[in-house]
Amino acid sequence: MDQSKIDDCLEQFSARGCDEVNKIIQHLESGALLEDMHAMTSNERHAVLTELKSIMNVYSAKK
């Protein structure tokens, strides 16, 4: 697993804002392969999804 790929992807997605990140999470949960993630392994994609959920849980807890 390439952590730098995961980190780069998380950074790109996070820069899009909360609404977009929530849409990305929904797409990933439905099994969609996003263009930004074609070069990633399934384990790397799963790591991105897990981390995005974790990030959004922190934001939800702050509200």
Protein backbone atom coordinates (compact mmCIF):
# COMPACT_ATOMS: atom_id res chain seq x y z
CA MET A 1 0.00 0.00 0.00
CA ASP A 2 1.36 3.39 -1.02
CA GLN A 3 0.59 5.80 1.82
CA SER A 4 1.65 8.80 -0.24
CA LYS A 5 -1.05 7.99 -2.85
CA ILE A 6 -3.62 7.72 -0.08
CA ASP A 7 -2.52 10.99 1.52
CA ASP A 8 -2.54 12.81 -1.82
CA CYS A 9 -6.03 11.55 -2.60
CA LEU A 10 -7.32 12.53 0.85
CA GLU A 11 -5.84 15.99 0.45
CA GLN A 12 -7.46 16.44 -2.98
CA PHE A 13 -10.86 15.24 -1.79
CA SER A 14 -10.77 17.24 1.45
CA ALA A 15 -10.04 20.43 -0.48
CA ARG A 16 -13.41 20.02 -2.22
CA GLY A 17 -15.39 20.63 0.96
CA CYS A 18 -17.72 18.64 3.19
CA ASP A 19 -20.63 18.30 0.77
CA GLU A 20 -18.40 16.91 -1.95
CA VAL A 21 -16.62 14.57 0.48
CA ASN A 22 -19.98 13.17 1.57
CA LYS A 23 -20.86 12.53 -2.10
CA ILE A 24 -17.48 10.84 -2.62
CA ILE A 25 -18.12 8.59 0.40
CA GLN A 26 -21.51 7.60 -1.02
CA HIS A 27 -19.97 6.78 -4.40
CA LEU A 28 -17.21 4.70 -2.85
CA GLU A 29 -19.65 2.84 -0.62
CA SER A 30 -21.72 1.95 -3.68
CA GLY A 31 -18.63 0.45 -5.31
CA ALA A 32 -18.03 3.23 -7.83
CA LEU A 33 -14.47 3.77 -8.99
CA LEU A 34 -13.73 7.46 -9.08
CA GLU A 35 -11.44 8.85 -11.76
CA ASP A 36 -9.02 10.17 -9.14
CA MET A 37 -8.53 6.63 -7.84
CA HIS A 38 -7.90 4.54 -10.98
CA ALA A 39 -4.22 4.04 -10.15
CA MET A 40 -4.97 2.84 -6.62
CA THR A 41 -5.32 -0.72 -5.39
CA SER A 42 -8.54 -1.85 -3.76
CA ASN A 43 -6.78 -1.73 -0.37
CA GLU A 44 -5.71 1.85 -0.99
CA ARG A 45 -9.24 2.82 -2.06
CA HIS A 46 -10.62 1.19 1.07
CA ALA A 47 -8.10 3.11 3.19
CA VAL A 48 -9.22 6.38 1.58
CA LEU A 49 -12.87 5.56 2.27
CA THR A 50 -12.14 4.66 5.89
CA GLU A 51 -10.15 7.84 6.45
CA LEU A 52 -12.78 10.05 4.77
CA LYS A 53 -15.45 8.59 7.04
CA SER A 54 -13.25 9.23 10.05
CA ILE A 55 -12.64 12.82 9.00
CA MET A 56 -16.33 13.47 8.45
CA ASN A 57 -17.21 11.94 11.82
CA VAL A 58 -14.93 14.51 13.47
CA TYR A 59 -16.71 17.34 11.63
CA SER A 60 -20.13 15.94 12.53
CA ALA A 61 -19.17 15.69 16.20
CA LYS A 62 -18.15 19.36 16.26
CA LYS A 63 -21.59 20.57 15.12
